[in-house]
Each structure stands twice: as C-alpha cells, then as structure tokens.
Amino acid sequence: MKLSFDSTNLISLPHVTAEAEALADWYDAHPGVRRLWAIQDALALNVIITLEPTVDNSDTSPAWLACSRRWASEIQSLTGNTVSLELLEEPLTSEFDIDIEGEIIAALSWRDPTSFWKAD
C-alpha cells in the first residue's frame, strides 16, 4: 500500500467505525503521537504511528521503547482486535510504500497540519 503526505489529496474514509472512534480518542490522549494510521487486515489491526521527536536530538526511540507495549495493549483493549503496532520514522519523501494491505479505518494527523496523507 502506498501512503502519501500530500495535503492536496486528503483521504475520505468510507465510514466511521467504533474502532476509528476509539483510535481517535486514544490519539487525542497521547500528544507524543504525531500521526496514526490504522489498517485492518484479515489477521490484525495494524496501527502505524509517527512520534514527536525529542527536543535535544530529534530521536523518537526513547518514547517508543518506553511506551510501545503499553500503547499496543491499550489499543487492543479499546478496539477488541489483535493489534500490531509499528513505528514509522519520518519518511524522507512525500510518498512511501508500506508492506500492509487492508482497509484503512483511521487516519489521524491533526497535530501535524503540514502533513496530510492518502492511500492509493
């Protein structure tokens, strides 16, 4: 699946689900998460996030290492789905491929107004 951070091509999700609403609430409660994508496939809810970097050296690893297991557990509890949580480092290009296919159920990036994305 190809994702793009092109602000002229905003995605319109076909329907809002209980999972999408739960993910929006979770995203709202975690200000260190810059962007969140959730893609449902046959086996799991694949949640991909980007994080706000640390102030001193633009690193996202400390927050990821400290919180990723708890975050996955929280999301699994909220959605009732098996969750695969992945960190995406800031891409160097406006379009990039991910190795996940399925239905996008959430696309959240309101903390980063310069970067919106769409799926092709």
PDB file of N, CA and C in Angstrom:
ATOM      1  N   MET A   1       0.848  -1.162   0.000  1.00  0.00           N
ATOM      2  CA  MET A   1       0.000   0.000   0.000  1.00  0.00           C
ATOM      3  C   MET A   1       0.897   1.229   0.000  1.00  0.00           C
ATOM      4  N   LYS A   2       0.511   2.212  -0.772  1.00  0.00           N
ATOM      5  CA  LYS A   2       1.280   3.447  -0.856  1.00  0.00           C
ATOM      6  C   LYS A   2       0.581   4.521  -0.032  1.00  0.00           C
ATOM      7  N   LEU A   3       1.357   5.217   0.795  1.00  0.00           N
ATOM      8  CA  LEU A   3       0.850   6.349   1.564  1.00  0.00           C
ATOM      9  C   LEU A   3       1.540   7.606   1.079  1.00  0.00           C
ATOM     10  N   SER A   4       0.822   8.716   1.176  1.00  0.00           N
ATOM     11  CA  SER A   4       1.357   9.991   0.719  1.00  0.00           C
ATOM     12  C   SER A   4       1.048  11.069   1.747  1.00  0.00           C
ATOM     13  N   PHE A   5       1.969  12.002   1.938  1.00  0.00           N
ATOM     14  CA  PHE A   5       1.774  13.147   2.811  1.00  0.00           C
ATOM     15  C   PHE A   5       1.423  14.384   2.002  1.00  0.00           C
ATOM     16  N   ASP A   6       0.629  14.244   0.984  1.00  0.00           N
ATOM     17  CA  ASP A   6       0.250  15.342   0.106  1.00  0.00           C
ATOM     18  C   ASP A   6      -1.019  16.000   0.643  1.00  0.00           C
ATOM     19  N   SER A   7      -0.912  17.254   1.090  1.00  0.00           N
ATOM     20  CA  SER A   7      -2.051  17.945   1.703  1.00  0.00           C
ATOM     21  C   SER A   7      -3.164  18.268   0.711  1.00  0.00           C
ATOM     22  N   THR A   8      -2.902  18.155  -0.577  1.00  0.00           N
ATOM     23  CA  THR A   8      -3.959  18.415  -1.549  1.00  0.00           C
ATOM     24  C   THR A   8      -4.806  17.184  -1.819  1.00  0.00           C
ATOM     25  N   ASN A   9      -4.412  16.049  -1.276  1.00  0.00           N
ATOM     26  CA  ASN A   9      -5.119  14.793  -1.520  1.00  0.00           C
ATOM     27  C   ASN A   9      -5.565  14.167  -0.201  1.00  0.00           C
ATOM     28  N   LEU A  10      -6.483  14.804   0.481  1.00  0.00           N
ATOM     29  CA  LEU A  10      -6.952  14.277   1.751  1.00  0.00           C
ATOM     30  C   LEU A  10      -7.802  13.041   1.519  1.00  0.00           C
ATOM     31  N   ILE A  11      -7.650  12.075   2.419  1.00  0.00           N
ATOM     32  CA  ILE A  11      -8.433  10.849   2.302  1.00  0.00           C
ATOM     33  C   ILE A  11      -9.789  11.028   2.958  1.00  0.00           C
ATOM     34  N   SER A  12     -10.779  10.458   2.366  1.00  0.00           N
ATOM     35  CA  SER A  12     -12.105  10.433   2.960  1.00  0.00           C
ATOM     36  C   SER A  12     -12.431   8.981   3.260  1.00  0.00           C
ATOM     37  N   LEU A  13     -12.485   8.640   4.534  1.00  0.00           N
ATOM     38  CA  LEU A  13     -12.767   7.270   4.910  1.00  0.00           C
ATOM     39  C   LEU A  13     -14.230   6.961   4.616  1.00  0.00           C
ATOM     40  N   PRO A  14     -14.521   5.743   4.142  1.00  0.00           N
ATOM     41  CA  PRO A  14     -15.880   5.419   3.705  1.00  0.00           C
ATOM     42  C   PRO A  14     -16.910   5.430   4.834  1.00  0.00           C
ATOM     43  N   HIS A  15     -16.498   5.107   6.063  1.00  0.00           N
ATOM     44  CA  HIS A  15     -17.435   5.093   7.177  1.00  0.00           C
ATOM     45  C   HIS A  15     -16.663   5.165   8.491  1.00  0.00           C
ATOM     46  N   VAL A  16     -17.317   5.703   9.480  1.00  0.00           N
ATOM     47  CA  VAL A  16     -16.694   5.789  10.794  1.00  0.00           C
ATOM     48  C   VAL A  16     -17.148   4.579  11.599  1.00  0.00           C
ATOM     49  N   THR A  17     -16.184   3.860  12.153  1.00  0.00           N
ATOM     50  CA  THR A  17     -16.483   2.667  12.935  1.00  0.00           C
ATOM     51  C   THR A  17     -16.201   2.937  14.409  1.00  0.00           C
ATOM     52  N   ALA A  18     -16.640   2.014  15.249  1.00  0.00           N
ATOM     53  CA  ALA A  18     -16.343   2.116  16.678  1.00  0.00           C
ATOM     54  C   ALA A  18     -14.835   2.084  16.899  1.00  0.00           C
ATOM     55  N   GLU A  19     -14.111   1.278  16.106  1.00  0.00           N
ATOM     56  CA  GLU A  19     -12.658   1.223  16.221  1.00  0.00           C
ATOM     57  C   GLU A  19     -12.030   2.566  15.862  1.00  0.00           C
ATOM     58  N   ALA A  20     -12.528   3.200  14.812  1.00  0.00           N
ATOM     59  CA  ALA A  20     -11.993   4.502  14.403  1.00  0.00           C
ATOM     60  C   ALA A  20     -12.217   5.548  15.489  1.00  0.00           C
ATOM     61  N   GLU A  21     -13.382   5.532  16.103  1.00  0.00           N
ATOM     62  CA  GLU A  21     -13.660   6.477  17.178  1.00  0.00           C
ATOM     63  C   GLU A  21     -12.772   6.200  18.390  1.00  0.00           C
ATOM     64  N   ALA A  22     -12.563   4.931  18.722  1.00  0.00           N
ATOM     65  CA  ALA A  22     -11.685   4.575  19.843  1.00  0.00           C
ATOM     66  C   ALA A  22     -10.256   5.011  19.559  1.00  0.00           C
ATOM     67  N   LEU A  23      -9.809   4.830  18.328  1.00  0.00           N
ATOM     68  CA  LEU A  23      -8.458   5.252  17.955  1.00  0.00           C
ATOM     69  C   LEU A  23      -8.318   6.769  18.004  1.00  0.00           C
ATOM     70  N   ALA A  24      -9.342   7.492  17.598  1.00  0.00           N
ATOM     71  CA  ALA A  24      -9.308   8.958  17.671  1.00  0.00           C
ATOM     72  C   ALA A  24      -9.207   9.416  19.122  1.00  0.00           C
ATOM     73  N   ASP A  25      -9.942   8.764  20.008  1.00  0.00           N
ATOM     74  CA  ASP A  25      -9.857   9.104  21.433  1.00  0.00           C
ATOM     75  C   ASP A  25      -8.463   8.793  21.982  1.00  0.00           C
ATOM     76  N   TRP A  26      -7.904   7.644  21.596  1.00  0.00           N
ATOM     77  CA  TRP A  26      -6.571   7.259  22.057  1.00  0.00           C
ATOM     78  C   TRP A  26      -5.534   8.262  21.538  1.00  0.00           C
ATOM     79  N   TYR A  27      -5.620   8.596  20.265  1.00  0.00           N
ATOM     80  CA  TYR A  27      -4.696   9.565  19.664  1.00  0.00           C
ATOM     81  C   TYR A  27      -4.787  10.910  20.388  1.00  0.00           C
ATOM     82  N   ASP A  28      -5.995  11.346  20.675  1.00  0.00           N
ATOM     83  CA  ASP A  28      -6.198  12.610  21.370  1.00  0.00           C
ATOM     84  C   ASP A  28      -5.543  12.606  22.749  1.00  0.00           C
ATOM     85  N   ALA A  29      -5.526  11.457  23.404  1.00  0.00           N
ATOM     86  CA  ALA A  29      -4.972  11.340  24.759  1.00  0.00           C
ATOM     87  C   ALA A  29      -3.457  11.153  24.779  1.00  0.00           C
ATOM     88  N   HIS A  30      -2.818  11.029  23.619  1.00  0.00           N
ATOM     89  CA  HIS A  30      -1.378  10.776  23.542  1.00  0.00           C
ATOM     90  C   HIS A  30      -0.702  11.832  22.672  1.00  0.00           C
ATOM     91  N   PRO A  31      -0.401  12.995  23.248  1.00  0.00           N
ATOM     92  CA  PRO A  31       0.149  14.105  22.457  1.00  0.00           C
ATOM     93  C   PRO A  31       1.526  13.835  21.860  1.00  0.00           C
ATOM     94  N   GLY A  32       2.230  12.825  22.318  1.00  0.00           N
ATOM     95  CA  GLY A  32       3.522  12.486  21.736  1.00  0.00           C
ATOM     96  C   GLY A  32       3.414  11.751  20.412  1.00  0.00           C
ATOM     97  N   VAL A  33       2.195  11.331  20.060  1.00  0.00           N
ATOM     98  CA  VAL A  33       1.970  10.648  18.780  1.00  0.00           C
ATOM     99  C   VAL A  33       1.589  11.703  17.756  1.00  0.00           C
ATOM    100  N   ARG A  34       2.433  11.867  16.747  1.00  0.00           N
ATOM    101  CA  ARG A  34       2.211  12.900  15.727  1.00  0.00           C
ATOM    102  C   ARG A  34       1.176  12.465  14.694  1.00  0.00           C
ATOM    103  N   ARG A  35       1.284  11.235  14.205  1.00  0.00           N
ATOM    104  CA  ARG A  35       0.356  10.708  13.190  1.00  0.00           C
ATOM    105  C   ARG A  35       0.008   9.273  13.528  1.00  0.00           C
ATOM    106  N   LEU A  36      -1.175   8.843  13.096  1.00  0.00           N
ATOM    107  CA  LEU A  36      -1.603   7.462  13.314  1.00  0.00           C
ATOM    108  C   LEU A  36      -2.385   6.998  12.106  1.00  0.00           C
ATOM    109  N   TRP A  37      -2.054   5.826  11.630  1.00  0.00           N
ATOM    110  CA  TRP A  37      -2.802   5.141  10.575  1.00  0.00           C
ATOM    111  C   TRP A  37      -3.231   3.798  11.140  1.00  0.00           C
ATOM    112  N   ALA A  38      -4.438   3.376  10.868  1.00  0.00           N
ATOM    113  CA  ALA A  38      -4.900   2.051  11.280  1.00  0.00           C
ATOM    114  C   ALA A  38      -5.451   1.335  10.061  1.00  0.00           C
ATOM    115  N   ILE A  39      -4.900   0.153   9.812  1.00  0.00           N
ATOM    116  CA  ILE A  39      -5.274  -0.629   8.643  1.00  0.00           C
ATOM    117  C   ILE A  39      -5.708  -2.005   9.126  1.00  0.00           C
ATOM    118  N   GLN A  40      -6.950  -2.368   8.840  1.00  0.00           N
ATOM    119  CA  GLN A  40      -7.486  -3.665   9.249  1.00  0.00           C
ATOM    120  C   GLN A  40      -7.230  -4.672   8.138  1.00  0.00           C
ATOM    121  N   ASP A  41      -6.547  -5.763   8.482  1.00  0.00           N
ATOM    122  CA  ASP A  41      -6.419  -6.864   7.538  1.00  0.00           C
ATOM    123  C   ASP A  41      -7.109  -8.077   8.146  1.00  0.00           C
ATOM    124  N   ALA A  42      -6.962  -9.233   7.526  1.00  0.00           N
ATOM    125  CA  ALA A  42      -7.669 -10.424   7.987  1.00  0.00           C
ATOM    126  C   ALA A  42      -7.192 -10.904   9.358  1.00  0.00           C
ATOM    127  N   LEU A  43      -5.961 -10.585   9.735  1.00  0.00           N
ATOM    128  CA  LEU A  43      -5.394 -11.123  10.963  1.00  0.00           C
ATOM    129  C   LEU A  43      -5.340 -10.143  12.124  1.00  0.00           C
ATOM    130  N   ALA A  44      -5.180  -8.858  11.845  1.00  0.00           N
ATOM    131  CA  ALA A  44      -4.942  -7.914  12.939  1.00  0.00           C
ATOM    132  C   ALA A  44      -5.293  -6.493  12.514  1.00  0.00           C
ATOM    133  N   LEU A  45      -5.344  -5.642  13.503  1.00  0.00           N
ATOM    134  CA  LEU A  45      -5.430  -4.205  13.276  1.00  0.00           C
ATOM    135  C   LEU A  45      -3.999  -3.689  13.303  1.00  0.00           C
ATOM    136  N   ASN A  46      -3.513  -3.253  12.167  1.00  0.00           N
ATOM    137  CA  ASN A  46      -2.155  -2.741  12.042  1.00  0.00           C
ATOM    138  C   ASN A  46      -2.174  -1.246  12.282  1.00  0.00           C
ATOM    139  N   VAL A  47      -1.543  -0.822  13.356  1.00  0.00           N
ATOM    140  CA  VAL A  47      -1.514   0.593  13.722  1.00  0.00           C
ATOM    141  C   VAL A  47      -0.095   1.090  13.534  1.00  0.00           C
ATOM    142  N   ILE A  48       0.044   2.104  12.706  1.00  0.00           N
ATOM    143  CA  ILE A  48       1.347   2.692  12.402  1.00  0.00           C
ATOM    144  C   ILE A  48       1.335   4.113  12.947  1.00  0.00           C
ATOM    145  N   ILE A  49       2.380   4.460  13.688  1.00  0.00           N
ATOM    146  CA  ILE A  49       2.439   5.796  14.268  1.00  0.00           C
ATOM    147  C   ILE A  49       3.775   6.460  13.946  1.00  0.00           C
ATOM    148  N   THR A  50       3.744   7.786  13.923  1.00  0.00           N
ATOM    149  CA  THR A  50       4.972   8.573  13.970  1.00  0.00           C
ATOM    150  C   THR A  50       4.916   9.341  15.277  1.00  0.00           C
ATOM    151  N   LEU A  51       6.071   9.625  15.835  1.00  0.00           N
ATOM    152  CA  LEU A  51       6.149  10.269  17.143  1.00  0.00           C
ATOM    153  C   LEU A  51       6.797  11.637  17.047  1.00  0.00           C
ATOM    154  N   GLU A  52       6.476  12.479  18.010  1.00  0.00           N
ATOM    155  CA  GLU A  52       7.171  13.749  18.151  1.00  0.00           C
ATOM    156  C   GLU A  52       8.590  13.440  18.610  1.00  0.00           C
ATOM    157  N   PRO A  53       9.585  13.993  17.938  1.00  0.00           N
ATOM    158  CA  PRO A  53      10.970  13.728  18.351  1.00  0.00           C
ATOM    159  C   PRO A  53      11.331  14.461  19.634  1.00  0.00           C
ATOM    160  N   THR A  54      12.369  13.973  20.290  1.00  0.00           N
ATOM    161  CA  THR A  54      12.850  14.653  21.487  1.00  0.00           C
ATOM    162  C   THR A  54      13.416  16.011  21.095  1.00  0.00           C
ATOM    163  N   VAL A  55      13.413  16.934  22.022  1.00  0.00           N
ATOM    164  CA  VAL A  55      13.864  18.291  21.757  1.00  0.00           C
ATOM    165  C   VAL A  55      15.372  18.343  21.518  1.00  0.00           C
ATOM    166  N   ASP A  56      16.122  17.529  22.235  1.00  0.00           N
ATOM    167  CA  ASP A  56      17.577  17.638  22.180  1.00  0.00           C
ATOM    168  C   ASP A  56      18.225  17.013  20.953  1.00  0.00           C
ATOM    169  N   ASN A  57      17.644  15.942  20.396  1.00  0.00           N
ATOM    170  CA  ASN A  57      18.330  15.340  19.247  1.00  0.00           C
ATOM    171  C   ASN A  57      17.398  14.702  18.218  1.00  0.00           C
ATOM    172  N   SER A  58      16.156  15.076  18.211  1.00  0.00           N
ATOM    173  CA  SER A  58      15.191  14.591  17.219  1.00  0.00           C
ATOM    174  C   SER A  58      15.044  13.076  17.196  1.00  0.00           C
ATOM    175  N   ASP A  59      15.208  12.442  18.335  1.00  0.00           N
ATOM    176  CA  ASP A  59      15.104  10.991  18.436  1.00  0.00           C
ATOM    177  C   ASP A  59      13.706  10.600  18.902  1.00  0.00           C
ATOM    178  N   THR A  60      13.143   9.548  18.316  1.00  0.00           N
ATOM    179  CA  THR A  60      11.847   9.042  18.760  1.00  0.00           C
ATOM    180  C   THR A  60      11.984   7.728  19.524  1.00  0.00           C
ATOM    181  N   SER A  61      13.161   7.168  19.572  1.00  0.00           N
ATOM    182  CA  SER A  61      13.367   5.869  20.208  1.00  0.00           C
ATOM    183  C   SER A  61      13.026   5.834  21.692  1.00  0.00           C
ATOM    184  N   PRO A  62      13.383   6.844  22.485  1.00  0.00           N
ATOM    185  CA  PRO A  62      13.075   6.748  23.915  1.00  0.00           C
ATOM    186  C   PRO A  62      11.585   6.548  24.197  1.00  0.00           C
ATOM    187  N   ALA A  63      10.747   7.327  23.564  1.00  0.00           N
ATOM    188  CA  ALA A  63       9.305   7.187  23.780  1.00  0.00           C
ATOM    189  C   ALA A  63       8.805   5.847  23.265  1.00  0.00           C
ATOM    190  N   TRP A  64       9.290   5.424  22.121  1.00  0.00           N
ATOM    191  CA  TRP A  64       8.872   4.147  21.544  1.00  0.00           C
ATOM    192  C   TRP A  64       9.265   2.984  22.460  1.00  0.00           C
ATOM    193  N   LEU A  65      10.511   2.967  22.904  1.00  0.00           N
ATOM    194  CA  LEU A  65      10.980   1.883  23.774  1.00  0.00           C
ATOM    195  C   LEU A  65      10.238   1.881  25.108  1.00  0.00           C
ATOM    196  N   ALA A  66       9.945   3.040  25.635  1.00  0.00           N
ATOM    197  CA  ALA A  66       9.284   3.130  26.936  1.00  0.00           C
ATOM    198  C   ALA A  66       7.791   2.807  26.875  1.00  0.00           C
ATOM    199  N   CYS A  67       7.146   3.076  25.759  1.00  0.00           N
ATOM    200  CA  CYS A  67       5.677   3.035  25.736  1.00  0.00           C
ATOM    201  C   CYS A  67       5.032   2.069  24.750  1.00  0.00           C
ATOM    202  N   SER A  68       5.753   1.538  23.788  1.00  0.00           N
ATOM    203  CA  SER A  68       5.115   0.805  22.693  1.00  0.00           C
ATOM    204  C   SER A  68       4.282  -0.389  23.153  1.00  0.00           C
ATOM    205  N   ARG A  69       4.767  -1.171  24.099  1.00  0.00           N
ATOM    206  CA  ARG A  69       3.988  -2.330  24.565  1.00  0.00           C
ATOM    207  C   ARG A  69       2.705  -1.893  25.262  1.00  0.00           C
ATOM    208  N   ARG A  70       2.800  -0.870  26.086  1.00  0.00           N
ATOM    209  CA  ARG A  70       1.618  -0.361  26.783  1.00  0.00           C
ATOM    210  C   ARG A  70       0.618   0.202  25.780  1.00  0.00           C
ATOM    211  N   TRP A  71       1.116   0.950  24.802  1.00  0.00           N
ATOM    212  CA  TRP A  71       0.229   1.515  23.793  1.00  0.00           C
ATOM    213  C   TRP A  71      -0.496   0.421  23.012  1.00  0.00           C
ATOM    214  N   ALA A  72       0.221  -0.612  22.602  1.00  0.00           N
ATOM    215  CA  ALA A  72      -0.405  -1.716  21.863  1.00  0.00           C
ATOM    216  C   ALA A  72      -1.491  -2.370  22.714  1.00  0.00           C
ATOM    217  N   SER A  73      -1.198  -2.561  23.989  1.00  0.00           N
ATOM    218  CA  SER A  73      -2.172  -3.158  24.898  1.00  0.00           C
ATOM    219  C   SER A  73      -3.399  -2.259  25.060  1.00  0.00           C
ATOM    220  N   GLU A  74      -3.182  -0.958  25.193  1.00  0.00           N
ATOM    221  CA  GLU A  74      -4.294  -0.017  25.315  1.00  0.00           C
ATOM    222  C   GLU A  74      -5.181  -0.048  24.071  1.00  0.00           C
ATOM    223  N   ILE A  75      -4.561  -0.021  22.903  1.00  0.00           N
ATOM    224  CA  ILE A  75      -5.321  -0.017  21.653  1.00  0.00           C
ATOM    225  C   ILE A  75      -6.078  -1.325  21.489  1.00  0.00           C
ATOM    226  N   GLN A  76      -5.437  -2.428  21.829  1.00  0.00           N
ATOM    227  CA  GLN A  76      -6.105  -3.728  21.743  1.00  0.00           C
ATOM    228  C   GLN A  76      -7.317  -3.766  22.670  1.00  0.00           C
ATOM    229  N   SER A  77      -7.157  -3.243  23.858  1.00  0.00           N
ATOM    230  CA  SER A  77      -8.256  -3.207  24.823  1.00  0.00           C
ATOM    231  C   SER A  77      -9.408  -2.324  24.324  1.00  0.00           C
ATOM    232  N   LEU A  78      -9.071  -1.193  23.719  1.00  0.00           N
ATOM    233  CA  LEU A  78     -10.096  -0.271  23.224  1.00  0.00           C
ATOM    234  C   LEU A  78     -10.850  -0.803  22.010  1.00  0.00           C
ATOM    235  N   THR A  79     -10.141  -1.494  21.127  1.00  0.00           N
ATOM    236  CA  THR A  79     -10.750  -1.920  19.863  1.00  0.00           C
ATOM    237  C   THR A  79     -11.260  -3.350  19.881  1.00  0.00           C
ATOM    238  N   GLY A  80     -10.748  -4.170  20.797  1.00  0.00           N
ATOM    239  CA  GLY A  80     -11.137  -5.573  20.824  1.00  0.00           C
ATOM    240  C   GLY A  80     -10.502  -6.398  19.721  1.00  0.00           C
ATOM    241  N   ASN A  81      -9.476  -5.849  19.067  1.00  0.00           N
ATOM    242  CA  ASN A  81      -8.782  -6.539  17.975  1.00  0.00           C
ATOM    243  C   ASN A  81      -7.353  -6.869  18.377  1.00  0.00           C
ATOM    244  N   THR A  82      -6.799  -7.886  17.774  1.00  0.00           N
ATOM    245  CA  THR A  82      -5.363  -8.119  17.885  1.00  0.00           C
ATOM    246  C   THR A  82      -4.682  -6.951  17.212  1.00  0.00           C
ATOM    247  N   VAL A  83      -3.670  -6.377  17.886  1.00  0.00           N
ATOM    248  CA  VAL A  83      -3.039  -5.162  17.378  1.00  0.00           C
ATOM    249  C   VAL A  83      -1.566  -5.409  17.078  1.00  0.00           C
ATOM    250  N   SER A  84      -1.159  -4.951  15.927  1.00  0.00           N
ATOM    251  CA  SER A  84       0.252  -4.881  15.563  1.00  0.00           C
ATOM    252  C   SER A  84       0.597  -3.400  15.494  1.00  0.00           C
ATOM    253  N   LEU A  85       1.425  -2.943  16.433  1.00  0.00           N
ATOM    254  CA  LEU A  85       1.797  -1.531  16.498  1.00  0.00           C
ATOM    255  C   LEU A  85       3.195  -1.357  15.937  1.00  0.00           C
ATOM    256  N   GLU A  86       3.339  -0.424  15.002  1.00  0.00           N
ATOM    257  CA  GLU A  86       4.631  -0.188  14.363  1.00  0.00           C
ATOM    258  C   GLU A  86       4.968   1.297  14.392  1.00  0.00           C
ATOM    259  N   LEU A  87       6.253   1.568  14.547  1.00  0.00           N
ATOM    260  CA  LEU A  87       6.765   2.934  14.489  1.00  0.00           C
ATOM    261  C   LEU A  87       7.268   3.212  13.089  1.00  0.00           C
ATOM    262  N   LEU A  88       6.869   4.332  12.541  1.00  0.00           N
ATOM    263  CA  LEU A  88       7.363   4.788  11.250  1.00  0.00           C
ATOM    264  C   LEU A  88       8.200   6.026  11.505  1.00  0.00           C
ATOM    265  N   GLU A  89       9.473   5.951  11.193  1.00  0.00           N
ATOM    266  CA  GLU A  89      10.321   7.148  11.272  1.00  0.00           C
ATOM    267  C   GLU A  89       9.845   8.103  10.188  1.00  0.00           C
ATOM    268  N   GLU A  90      10.055   9.373  10.394  1.00  0.00           N
ATOM    269  CA  GLU A  90       9.612  10.355   9.409  1.00  0.00           C
ATOM    270  C   GLU A  90      10.173  10.001   8.038  1.00  0.00           C
ATOM    271  N   PRO A  91       9.287   9.802   7.059  1.00  0.00           N
ATOM    272  CA  PRO A  91       9.765   9.470   5.714  1.00  0.00           C
ATOM    273  C   PRO A  91      10.505  10.641   5.077  1.00  0.00           C
ATOM    274  N   LEU A  92      11.460  10.311   4.222  1.00  0.00           N
ATOM    275  CA  LEU A  92      12.238  11.338   3.535  1.00  0.00           C
ATOM    276  C   LEU A  92      11.546  11.844   2.282  1.00  0.00           C
ATOM    277  N   THR A  93      10.549  11.123   1.823  1.00  0.00           N
ATOM    278  CA  THR A  93       9.822  11.514   0.619  1.00  0.00           C
ATOM    279  C   THR A  93       8.356  11.720   0.963  1.00  0.00           C
ATOM    280  N   SER A  94       7.622  12.360   0.058  1.00  0.00           N
ATOM    281  CA  SER A  94       6.204  12.608   0.315  1.00  0.00           C
ATOM    282  C   SER A  94       5.346  11.373   0.078  1.00  0.00           C
ATOM    283  N   GLU A  95       5.864  10.380  -0.647  1.00  0.00           N
ATOM    284  CA  GLU A  95       5.166   9.116  -0.859  1.00  0.00           C
ATOM    285  C   GLU A  95       6.079   7.973  -0.453  1.00  0.00           C
ATOM    286  N   PHE A  96       5.473   6.942   0.142  1.00  0.00           N
ATOM    287  CA  PHE A  96       6.255   5.792   0.548  1.00  0.00           C
ATOM    288  C   PHE A  96       5.347   4.574   0.603  1.00  0.00           C
ATOM    289  N   ASP A  97       5.948   3.401   0.471  1.00  0.00           N
ATOM    290  CA  ASP A  97       5.210   2.146   0.497  1.00  0.00           C
ATOM    291  C   ASP A  97       5.309   1.510   1.875  1.00  0.00           C
ATOM    292  N   ILE A  98       4.232   0.834   2.268  1.00  0.00           N
ATOM    293  CA  ILE A  98       4.247   0.014   3.466  1.00  0.00           C
ATOM    294  C   ILE A  98       3.847  -1.391   3.055  1.00  0.00           C
ATOM    295  N   ASP A  99       4.265  -2.378   3.810  1.00  0.00           N
ATOM    296  CA  ASP A  99       4.002  -3.778   3.482  1.00  0.00           C
ATOM    297  C   ASP A  99       2.734  -4.290   4.154  1.00  0.00           C
ATOM    298  N   ILE A 100       1.684  -3.503   4.114  1.00  0.00           N
ATOM    299  CA  ILE A 100       0.420  -3.887   4.718  1.00  0.00           C
ATOM    300  C   ILE A 100      -0.680  -3.621   3.700  1.00  0.00           C
ATOM    301  N   GLU A 101      -1.551  -4.582   3.535  1.00  0.00           N
ATOM    302  CA  GLU A 101      -2.723  -4.408   2.688  1.00  0.00           C
ATOM    303  C   GLU A 101      -3.957  -4.587   3.560  1.00  0.00           C
ATOM    304  N   GLY A 102      -5.007  -3.871   3.267  1.00  0.00           N
ATOM    305  CA  GLY A 102      -6.245  -3.980   4.013  1.00  0.00           C
ATOM    306  C   GLY A 102      -7.047  -2.707   3.884  1.00  0.00           C
ATOM    307  N   GLU A 103      -8.009  -2.556   4.778  1.00  0.00           N
ATOM    308  CA  GLU A 103      -8.878  -1.378   4.769  1.00  0.00           C
ATOM    309  C   GLU A 103      -8.387  -0.368   5.800  1.00  0.00           C
ATOM    310  N   ILE A 104      -8.208   0.852   5.364  1.00  0.00           N
ATOM    311  CA  ILE A 104      -7.816   1.916   6.284  1.00  0.00           C
ATOM    312  C   ILE A 104      -9.058   2.314   7.076  1.00  0.00           C
ATOM    313  N   ILE A 105      -8.956   2.190   8.408  1.00  0.00           N
ATOM    314  CA  ILE A 105     -10.115   2.551   9.235  1.00  0.00           C
ATOM    315  C   ILE A 105      -9.895   3.839  10.022  1.00  0.00           C
ATOM    316  N   ALA A 106      -8.645   4.299  10.109  1.00  0.00           N
ATOM    317  CA  ALA A 106      -8.372   5.574  10.786  1.00  0.00           C
ATOM    318  C   ALA A 106      -7.135   6.210  10.179  1.00  0.00           C
ATOM    319  N   ALA A 107      -7.190   7.518  10.044  1.00  0.00           N
ATOM    320  CA  ALA A 107      -6.077   8.314   9.536  1.00  0.00           C
ATOM    321  C   ALA A 107      -6.066   9.606  10.319  1.00  0.00           C
ATOM    322  N   LEU A 108      -5.179   9.689  11.297  1.00  0.00           N
ATOM    323  CA  LEU A 108      -5.203  10.811  12.224  1.00  0.00           C
ATOM    324  C   LEU A 108      -3.885  11.564  12.176  1.00  0.00           C
ATOM    325  N   SER A 109      -3.972  12.869  11.928  1.00  0.00           N
ATOM    326  CA  SER A 109      -2.748  13.673  11.870  1.00  0.00           C
ATOM    327  C   SER A 109      -3.021  15.123  12.218  1.00  0.00           C
ATOM    328  N   TRP A 110      -4.019  15.388  13.030  1.00  0.00           N
ATOM    329  CA  TRP A 110      -4.367  16.782  13.298  1.00  0.00           C
ATOM    330  C   TRP A 110      -3.309  17.527  14.087  1.00  0.00           C
ATOM    331  N   ARG A 111      -2.347  16.838  14.668  1.00  0.00           N
ATOM    332  CA  ARG A 111      -1.251  17.534  15.355  1.00  0.00           C
ATOM    333  C   ARG A 111      -0.192  18.035  14.384  1.00  0.00           C
ATOM    334  N   ASP A 112      -0.236  17.590  13.171  1.00  0.00           N
ATOM    335  CA  ASP A 112       0.763  17.963  12.184  1.00  0.00           C
ATOM    336  C   ASP A 112       0.055  18.551  10.963  1.00  0.00           C
ATOM    337  N   PRO A 113      -0.329  19.830  11.017  1.00  0.00           N
ATOM    338  CA  PRO A 113      -1.141  20.415   9.949  1.00  0.00           C
ATOM    339  C   PRO A 113      -0.439  20.519   8.605  1.00  0.00           C
ATOM    340  N   THR A 114       0.869  20.369   8.572  1.00  0.00           N
ATOM    341  CA  THR A 114       1.581  20.462   7.299  1.00  0.00           C
ATOM    342  C   THR A 114       1.615  19.143   6.553  1.00  0.00           C
ATOM    343  N   SER A 115       1.210  18.068   7.200  1.00  0.00           N
ATOM    344  CA  SER A 115       1.335  16.747   6.580  1.00  0.00           C
ATOM    345  C   SER A 115       0.045  15.969   6.676  1.00  0.00           C
ATOM    346  N   PHE A 116      -0.641  15.913   5.557  1.00  0.00           N
ATOM    347  CA  PHE A 116      -1.805  15.058   5.441  1.00  0.00           C
ATOM    348  C   PHE A 116      -1.438  13.951   4.482  1.00  0.00           C
ATOM    349  N   TRP A 117      -2.179  12.863   4.490  1.00  0.00           N
ATOM    350  CA  TRP A 117      -1.815  11.735   3.644  1.00  0.00           C
ATOM    351  C   TRP A 117      -3.023  11.113   3.022  1.00  0.00           C
ATOM    352  N   LYS A 118      -2.785  10.297   2.045  1.00  0.00           N
ATOM    353  CA  LYS A 118      -3.827   9.500   1.424  1.00  0.00           C
ATOM    354  C   LYS A 118      -3.256   8.133   1.083  1.00  0.00           C
ATOM    355  N   ALA A 119      -4.115   7.191   0.865  1.00  0.00           N
ATOM    356  CA  ALA A 119      -3.704   5.856   0.454  1.00  0.00           C
ATOM    357  C   ALA A 119      -4.104   5.651  -0.993  1.00  0.00           C
ATOM    358  N   ASP A 120      -3.251   4.991  -1.738  1.00  0.00           N
ATOM    359  CA  ASP A 120      -3.568   4.673  -3.131  1.00  0.00           C
ATOM    360  C   ASP A 120      -3.895   3.209  -3.245  1.00  0.00           C
TER     361      ASP A 120
END
